[in-house]
Amino acid sequence: ELPVPLPIVLGHEPAGVIDLVGPGVKSLRTG
């Protein structure tokens, strides 16, 4: 009913642990 390009991994609102930080991120750290 909502067309999206396939294949796709569904789901959102994740909870977990940061394991990699991209450039410019200042307020979050690995772990």
PDB file of all heavy atoms in Angstrom:
ATOM      1  N   GLU A   1       0.816  -1.220   0.000  1.00  0.00           N
ATOM      2  CA  GLU A   1       0.000   0.000   0.000  1.00  0.00           C
ATOM      3  C   GLU A   1       0.846   1.266   0.000  1.00  0.00           C
ATOM      4  O   GLU A   1       0.355   2.334  -0.356  1.00  0.00           O
ATOM      5  CB  GLU A   1      -0.929  -0.011   1.217  1.00  0.00           C
ATOM      6  CG  GLU A   1      -1.903  -1.179   1.193  1.00  0.00           C
ATOM      7  CD  GLU A   1      -2.469  -1.505   2.561  1.00  0.00           C
ATOM      8  OE1 GLU A   1      -2.093  -0.854   3.552  1.00  0.00           O
ATOM      9  OE2 GLU A   1      -3.296  -2.440   2.640  1.00  0.00           O
ATOM     10  N   LEU A   2       2.075   1.170   0.429  1.00  0.00           N
ATOM     11  CA  LEU A   2       3.029   2.280   0.383  1.00  0.00           C
ATOM     12  C   LEU A   2       4.222   1.795  -0.433  1.00  0.00           C
ATOM     13  O   LEU A   2       5.069   1.060   0.069  1.00  0.00           O
ATOM     14  CB  LEU A   2       3.485   2.682   1.788  1.00  0.00           C
ATOM     15  CG  LEU A   2       2.429   3.283   2.697  1.00  0.00           C
ATOM     16  CD1 LEU A   2       2.988   3.477   4.104  1.00  0.00           C
ATOM     17  CD2 LEU A   2       1.938   4.604   2.147  1.00  0.00           C
ATOM     18  N   PRO A   3       4.286   2.158  -1.691  1.00  0.00           N
ATOM     19  CA  PRO A   3       5.364   1.631  -2.530  1.00  0.00           C
ATOM     20  C   PRO A   3       6.732   2.150  -2.108  1.00  0.00           C
ATOM     21  O   PRO A   3       6.901   3.342  -1.869  1.00  0.00           O
ATOM     22  CB  PRO A   3       4.990   2.110  -3.932  1.00  0.00           C
ATOM     23  CG  PRO A   3       4.055   3.248  -3.730  1.00  0.00           C
ATOM     24  CD  PRO A   3       3.395   3.062  -2.400  1.00  0.00           C
ATOM     25  N   VAL A   4       7.654   1.233  -1.989  1.00  0.00           N
ATOM     26  CA  VAL A   4       9.045   1.555  -1.678  1.00  0.00           C
ATOM     27  C   VAL A   4       9.937   0.688  -2.574  1.00  0.00           C
ATOM     28  O   VAL A   4       9.507  -0.373  -3.019  1.00  0.00           O
ATOM     29  CB  VAL A   4       9.389   1.308  -0.191  1.00  0.00           C
ATOM     30  CG1 VAL A   4       8.565   2.186   0.720  1.00  0.00           C
ATOM     31  CG2 VAL A   4       9.218  -0.151   0.167  1.00  0.00           C
ATOM     32  N   PRO A   5      11.150   1.126  -2.824  1.00  0.00           N
ATOM     33  CA  PRO A   5      12.069   0.280  -3.603  1.00  0.00           C
ATOM     34  C   PRO A   5      12.394  -0.988  -2.810  1.00  0.00           C
ATOM     35  O   PRO A   5      12.638  -0.931  -1.603  1.00  0.00           O
ATOM     36  CB  PRO A   5      13.309   1.144  -3.782  1.00  0.00           C
ATOM     37  CG  PRO A   5      12.921   2.530  -3.391  1.00  0.00           C
ATOM     38  CD  PRO A   5      11.735   2.424  -2.506  1.00  0.00           C
ATOM     39  N   LEU A   6      12.370  -2.111  -3.479  1.00  0.00           N
ATOM     40  CA  LEU A   6      12.706  -3.393  -2.854  1.00  0.00           C
ATOM     41  C   LEU A   6      14.046  -3.872  -3.402  1.00  0.00           C
ATOM     42  O   LEU A   6      14.390  -3.558  -4.528  1.00  0.00           O
ATOM     43  CB  LEU A   6      11.612  -4.415  -3.146  1.00  0.00           C
ATOM     44  CG  LEU A   6      10.227  -4.082  -2.591  1.00  0.00           C
ATOM     45  CD1 LEU A   6       9.216  -5.129  -3.042  1.00  0.00           C
ATOM     46  CD2 LEU A   6      10.245  -3.971  -1.077  1.00  0.00           C
ATOM     47  N   PRO A   7      14.804  -4.619  -2.637  1.00  0.00           N
ATOM     48  CA  PRO A   7      14.531  -5.109  -1.291  1.00  0.00           C
ATOM     49  C   PRO A   7      14.713  -4.006  -0.252  1.00  0.00           C
ATOM     50  O   PRO A   7      15.373  -3.003  -0.501  1.00  0.00           O
ATOM     51  CB  PRO A   7      15.563  -6.206  -1.103  1.00  0.00           C
ATOM     52  CG  PRO A   7      16.702  -5.809  -1.987  1.00  0.00           C
ATOM     53  CD  PRO A   7      16.085  -5.092  -3.160  1.00  0.00           C
ATOM     54  N   ILE A   8      14.117  -4.243   0.932  1.00  0.00           N
ATOM     55  CA  ILE A   8      14.202  -3.280   2.031  1.00  0.00           C
ATOM     56  C   ILE A   8      14.202  -4.029   3.361  1.00  0.00           C
ATOM     57  O   ILE A   8      13.632  -5.114   3.473  1.00  0.00           O
ATOM     58  CB  ILE A   8      13.032  -2.268   1.968  1.00  0.00           C
ATOM     59  CG1 ILE A   8      13.241  -1.116   2.947  1.00  0.00           C
ATOM     60  CG2 ILE A   8      11.701  -2.969   2.190  1.00  0.00           C
ATOM     61  CD1 ILE A   8      12.256   0.032   2.785  1.00  0.00           C
ATOM     62  N   VAL A   9      14.858  -3.448   4.349  1.00  0.00           N
ATOM     63  CA  VAL A   9      14.798  -3.947   5.722  1.00  0.00           C
ATOM     64  C   VAL A   9      13.849  -3.017   6.460  1.00  0.00           C
ATOM     65  O   VAL A   9      14.121  -1.825   6.596  1.00  0.00           O
ATOM     66  CB  VAL A   9      16.192  -3.963   6.392  1.00  0.00           C
ATOM     67  CG1 VAL A   9      16.078  -4.409   7.843  1.00  0.00           C
ATOM     68  CG2 VAL A   9      17.147  -4.865   5.616  1.00  0.00           C
ATOM     69  N   LEU A  10      12.713  -3.548   6.902  1.00  0.00           N
ATOM     70  CA  LEU A  10      11.723  -2.732   7.603  1.00  0.00           C
ATOM     71  C   LEU A  10      12.089  -2.578   9.075  1.00  0.00           C
ATOM     72  O   LEU A  10      12.918  -3.309   9.610  1.00  0.00           O
ATOM     73  CB  LEU A  10      10.336  -3.354   7.465  1.00  0.00           C
ATOM     74  CG  LEU A  10       9.768  -3.407   6.050  1.00  0.00           C
ATOM     75  CD1 LEU A  10       8.419  -4.107   6.054  1.00  0.00           C
ATOM     76  CD2 LEU A  10       9.638  -2.012   5.471  1.00  0.00           C
ATOM     77  N   GLY A  11      11.389  -1.665   9.725  1.00  0.00           N
ATOM     78  CA  GLY A  11      11.598  -1.432  11.143  1.00  0.00           C
ATOM     79  C   GLY A  11      12.172  -0.046  11.371  1.00  0.00           C
ATOM     80  O   GLY A  11      12.767   0.552  10.478  1.00  0.00           O
ATOM     81  N   HIS A  12      11.931   0.458  12.539  1.00  0.00           N
ATOM     82  CA  HIS A  12      12.417   1.781  12.909  1.00  0.00           C
ATOM     83  C   HIS A  12      12.375   1.886  14.426  1.00  0.00           C
ATOM     84  O   HIS A  12      12.109   0.904  15.104  1.00  0.00           O
ATOM     85  CB  HIS A  12      11.568   2.870  12.243  1.00  0.00           C
ATOM     86  CG  HIS A  12      10.130   2.830  12.644  1.00  0.00           C
ATOM     87  ND1 HIS A  12       9.252   1.912  12.130  1.00  0.00           N
ATOM     88  CD2 HIS A  12       9.434   3.550  13.533  1.00  0.00           C
ATOM     89  CE1 HIS A  12       8.071   2.081  12.686  1.00  0.00           C
ATOM     90  NE2 HIS A  12       8.156   3.071  13.545  1.00  0.00           N
ATOM     91  N   GLU A  13      12.636   3.051  14.941  1.00  0.00           N
ATOM     92  CA  GLU A  13      12.708   3.271  16.393  1.00  0.00           C
ATOM     93  C   GLU A  13      13.677   2.288  17.049  1.00  0.00           C
ATOM     94  O   GLU A  13      13.332   1.567  17.972  1.00  0.00           O
ATOM     95  CB  GLU A  13      11.309   3.188  17.021  1.00  0.00           C
ATOM     96  CG  GLU A  13      10.374   4.243  16.481  1.00  0.00           C
ATOM     97  CD  GLU A  13       8.940   4.112  16.986  1.00  0.00           C
ATOM     98  OE1 GLU A  13       8.636   3.160  17.709  1.00  0.00           O
ATOM     99  OE2 GLU A  13       8.148   4.998  16.640  1.00  0.00           O
ATOM    100  N   PRO A  14      14.926   2.266  16.562  1.00  0.00           N
ATOM    101  CA  PRO A  14      15.884   1.308  17.096  1.00  0.00           C
ATOM    102  C   PRO A  14      16.371   1.658  18.496  1.00  0.00           C
ATOM    103  O   PRO A  14      16.371   2.822  18.900  1.00  0.00           O
ATOM    104  CB  PRO A  14      17.043   1.407  16.103  1.00  0.00           C
ATOM    105  CG  PRO A  14      16.975   2.812  15.607  1.00  0.00           C
ATOM    106  CD  PRO A  14      15.502   3.129  15.527  1.00  0.00           C
ATOM    107  N   ALA A  15      16.794   0.624  19.203  1.00  0.00           N
ATOM    108  CA  ALA A  15      17.475   0.780  20.489  1.00  0.00           C
ATOM    109  C   ALA A  15      18.689  -0.132  20.455  1.00  0.00           C
ATOM    110  O   ALA A  15      18.621  -1.259  19.970  1.00  0.00           O
ATOM    111  CB  ALA A  15      16.550   0.395  21.639  1.00  0.00           C
ATOM    112  N   GLY A  16      19.804   0.374  20.924  1.00  0.00           N
ATOM    113  CA  GLY A  16      21.017  -0.424  20.927  1.00  0.00           C
ATOM    114  C   GLY A  16      22.209   0.370  21.410  1.00  0.00           C
ATOM    115  O   GLY A  16      22.062   1.303  22.199  1.00  0.00           O
ATOM    116  N   VAL A  17      23.376  -0.006  20.915  1.00  0.00           N
ATOM    117  CA  VAL A  17      24.640   0.598  21.334  1.00  0.00           C
ATOM    118  C   VAL A  17      25.358   1.126  20.086  1.00  0.00           C
ATOM    119  O   VAL A  17      25.459   0.416  19.078  1.00  0.00           O
ATOM    120  CB  VAL A  17      25.521  -0.433  22.063  1.00  0.00           C
ATOM    121  CG1 VAL A  17      26.886   0.140  22.402  1.00  0.00           C
ATOM    122  CG2 VAL A  17      24.829  -0.929  23.320  1.00  0.00           C
ATOM    123  N   ILE A  18      25.862   2.338  20.166  1.00  0.00           N
ATOM    124  CA  ILE A  18      26.607   2.909  19.052  1.00  0.00           C
ATOM    125  C   ILE A  18      27.913   2.133  18.888  1.00  0.00           C
ATOM    126  O   ILE A  18      28.664   1.974  19.844  1.00  0.00           O
ATOM    127  CB  ILE A  18      26.893   4.407  19.281  1.00  0.00           C
ATOM    128  CG1 ILE A  18      25.583   5.188  19.269  1.00  0.00           C
ATOM    129  CG2 ILE A  18      27.866   4.942  18.227  1.00  0.00           C
ATOM    130  CD1 ILE A  18      25.719   6.647  19.627  1.00  0.00           C
ATOM    131  N   ASP A  19      28.147   1.644  17.654  1.00  0.00           N
ATOM    132  CA  ASP A  19      29.397   0.921  17.418  1.00  0.00           C
ATOM    133  C   ASP A  19      30.302   1.601  16.398  1.00  0.00           C
ATOM    134  O   ASP A  19      31.429   1.169  16.192  1.00  0.00           O
ATOM    135  CB  ASP A  19      29.135  -0.540  17.041  1.00  0.00           C
ATOM    136  CG  ASP A  19      28.523  -0.723  15.663  1.00  0.00           C
ATOM    137  OD1 ASP A  19      28.123   0.272  15.033  1.00  0.00           O
ATOM    138  OD2 ASP A  19      28.431  -1.888  15.226  1.00  0.00           O
ATOM    139  N   LEU A  20      29.818   2.679  15.767  1.00  0.00           N
ATOM    140  CA  LEU A  20      30.660   3.425  14.840  1.00  0.00           C
ATOM    141  C   LEU A  20      30.125   4.850  14.739  1.00  0.00           C
ATOM    142  O   LEU A  20      28.912   5.047  14.624  1.00  0.00           O
ATOM    143  CB  LEU A  20      30.659   2.755  13.459  1.00  0.00           C
ATOM    144  CG  LEU A  20      31.721   3.166  12.468  1.00  0.00           C
ATOM    145  CD1 LEU A  20      33.134   2.940  13.023  1.00  0.00           C
ATOM    146  CD2 LEU A  20      31.559   2.370  11.173  1.00  0.00           C
ATOM    147  N   VAL A  21      31.018   5.813  14.802  1.00  0.00           N
ATOM    148  CA  VAL A  21      30.646   7.234  14.781  1.00  0.00           C
ATOM    149  C   VAL A  21      31.201   7.872  13.517  1.00  0.00           C
ATOM    150  O   VAL A  21      32.381   7.706  13.202  1.00  0.00           O
ATOM    151  CB  VAL A  21      31.195   7.955  16.036  1.00  0.00           C
ATOM    152  CG1 VAL A  21      30.905   9.440  15.991  1.00  0.00           C
ATOM    153  CG2 VAL A  21      30.637   7.334  17.295  1.00  0.00           C
ATOM    154  N   GLY A  22      30.337   8.577  12.788  1.00  0.00           N
ATOM    155  CA  GLY A  22      30.762   9.271  11.576  1.00  0.00           C
ATOM    156  C   GLY A  22      31.425  10.602  11.889  1.00  0.00           C
ATOM    157  O   GLY A  22      31.381  11.098  13.019  1.00  0.00           O
ATOM    158  N   PRO A  23      32.033  11.217  10.874  1.00  0.00           N
ATOM    159  CA  PRO A  23      32.702  12.502  11.073  1.00  0.00           C
ATOM    160  C   PRO A  23      31.739  13.591  11.516  1.00  0.00           C
ATOM    161  O   PRO A  23      30.590  13.633  11.081  1.00  0.00           O
ATOM    162  CB  PRO A  23      33.281  12.830   9.696  1.00  0.00           C
ATOM    163  CG  PRO A  23      32.861  11.758   8.759  1.00  0.00           C
ATOM    164  CD  PRO A  23      32.097  10.739   9.504  1.00  0.00           C
ATOM    165  N   GLY A  24      32.215  14.436  12.421  1.00  0.00           N
ATOM    166  CA  GLY A  24      31.435  15.585  12.865  1.00  0.00           C
ATOM    167  C   GLY A  24      30.500  15.314  14.026  1.00  0.00           C
ATOM    168  O   GLY A  24      29.891  16.245  14.545  1.00  0.00           O
ATOM    169  N   VAL A  25      30.371  14.068  14.467  1.00  0.00           N
ATOM    170  CA  VAL A  25      29.497  13.762  15.606  1.00  0.00           C
ATOM    171  C   VAL A  25      30.242  14.121  16.880  1.00  0.00           C
ATOM    172  O   VAL A  25      31.339  13.622  17.122  1.00  0.00           O
ATOM    173  CB  VAL A  25      29.079  12.276  15.621  1.00  0.00           C
ATOM    174  CG1 VAL A  25      28.289  11.948  16.872  1.00  0.00           C
ATOM    175  CG2 VAL A  25      28.294  11.934  14.375  1.00  0.00           C
ATOM    176  N   LYS A  26      29.638  14.990  17.679  1.00  0.00           N
ATOM    177  CA  LYS A  26      30.311  15.466  18.892  1.00  0.00           C
ATOM    178  C   LYS A  26      29.634  15.022  20.183  1.00  0.00           C
ATOM    179  O   LYS A  26      30.271  14.931  21.216  1.00  0.00           O
ATOM    180  CB  LYS A  26      30.402  16.990  18.850  1.00  0.00           C
ATOM    181  CG  LYS A  26      31.249  17.504  17.704  1.00  0.00           C
ATOM    182  CD  LYS A  26      31.348  19.004  17.741  1.00  0.00           C
ATOM    183  CE  LYS A  26      32.111  19.646  16.650  1.00  0.00           C
ATOM    184  NZ  LYS A  26      32.743  18.958  15.635  1.00  0.00           N
ATOM    185  N   SER A  27      28.323  14.753  20.134  1.00  0.00           N
ATOM    186  CA  SER A  27      27.604  14.496  21.379  1.00  0.00           C
ATOM    187  C   SER A  27      27.423  13.013  21.673  1.00  0.00           C
ATOM    188  O   SER A  27      26.904  12.663  22.727  1.00  0.00           O
ATOM    189  CB  SER A  27      26.235  15.186  21.342  1.00  0.00           C
ATOM    190  OG  SER A  27      25.464  14.680  20.272  1.00  0.00           O
ATOM    191  N   LEU A  28      27.845  12.125  20.785  1.00  0.00           N
ATOM    192  CA  LEU A  28      27.700  10.679  20.997  1.00  0.00           C
ATOM    193  C   LEU A  28      29.035   9.997  20.776  1.00  0.00           C
ATOM    194  O   LEU A  28      29.852  10.457  19.980  1.00  0.00           O
ATOM    195  CB  LEU A  28      26.659  10.100  20.039  1.00  0.00           C
ATOM    196  CG  LEU A  28      25.240  10.627  20.194  1.00  0.00           C
ATOM    197  CD1 LEU A  28      24.381  10.211  19.012  1.00  0.00           C
ATOM    198  CD2 LEU A  28      24.632  10.140  21.497  1.00  0.00           C
ATOM    199  N   ARG A  29      29.223   8.871  21.481  1.00  0.00           N
ATOM    200  CA  ARG A  29      30.482   8.135  21.378  1.00  0.00           C
ATOM    201  C   ARG A  29      30.204   6.641  21.219  1.00  0.00           C
ATOM    202  O   ARG A  29      29.157   6.147  21.616  1.00  0.00           O
ATOM    203  CB  ARG A  29      31.314   8.338  22.641  1.00  0.00           C
ATOM    204  CG  ARG A  29      31.566   9.791  22.974  1.00  0.00           C
ATOM    205  CD  ARG A  29      32.997  10.001  23.404  1.00  0.00           C
ATOM    206  NE  ARG A  29      33.273  11.368  23.790  1.00  0.00           N
ATOM    207  CZ  ARG A  29      33.452  12.379  22.946  1.00  0.00           C
ATOM    208  NH1 ARG A  29      33.305  12.194  21.678  1.00  0.00           N
ATOM    209  NH2 ARG A  29      33.738  13.583  23.368  1.00  0.00           N
ATOM    210  N   THR A  30      31.186   5.930  20.672  1.00  0.00           N
ATOM    211  CA  THR A  30      31.115   4.484  20.593  1.00  0.00           C
ATOM    212  C   THR A  30      30.860   3.927  22.001  1.00  0.00           C
ATOM    213  O   THR A  30      31.485   4.362  22.961  1.00  0.00           O
ATOM    214  CB  THR A  30      32.427   3.911  20.021  1.00  0.00           C
ATOM    215  OG1 THR A  30      32.624   4.461  18.724  1.00  0.00           O
ATOM    216  CG2 THR A  30      32.388   2.398  19.940  1.00  0.00           C
ATOM    217  N   GLY A  31      29.907   3.001  22.095  1.00  0.00           N
ATOM    218  CA  GLY A  31      29.560   2.406  23.383  1.00  0.00           C
ATOM    219  C   GLY A  31      28.361   3.048  24.058  1.00  0.00           C
ATOM    220  O   GLY A  31      27.808   2.487  24.996  1.00  0.00           O
TER     221      GLY A  31
END
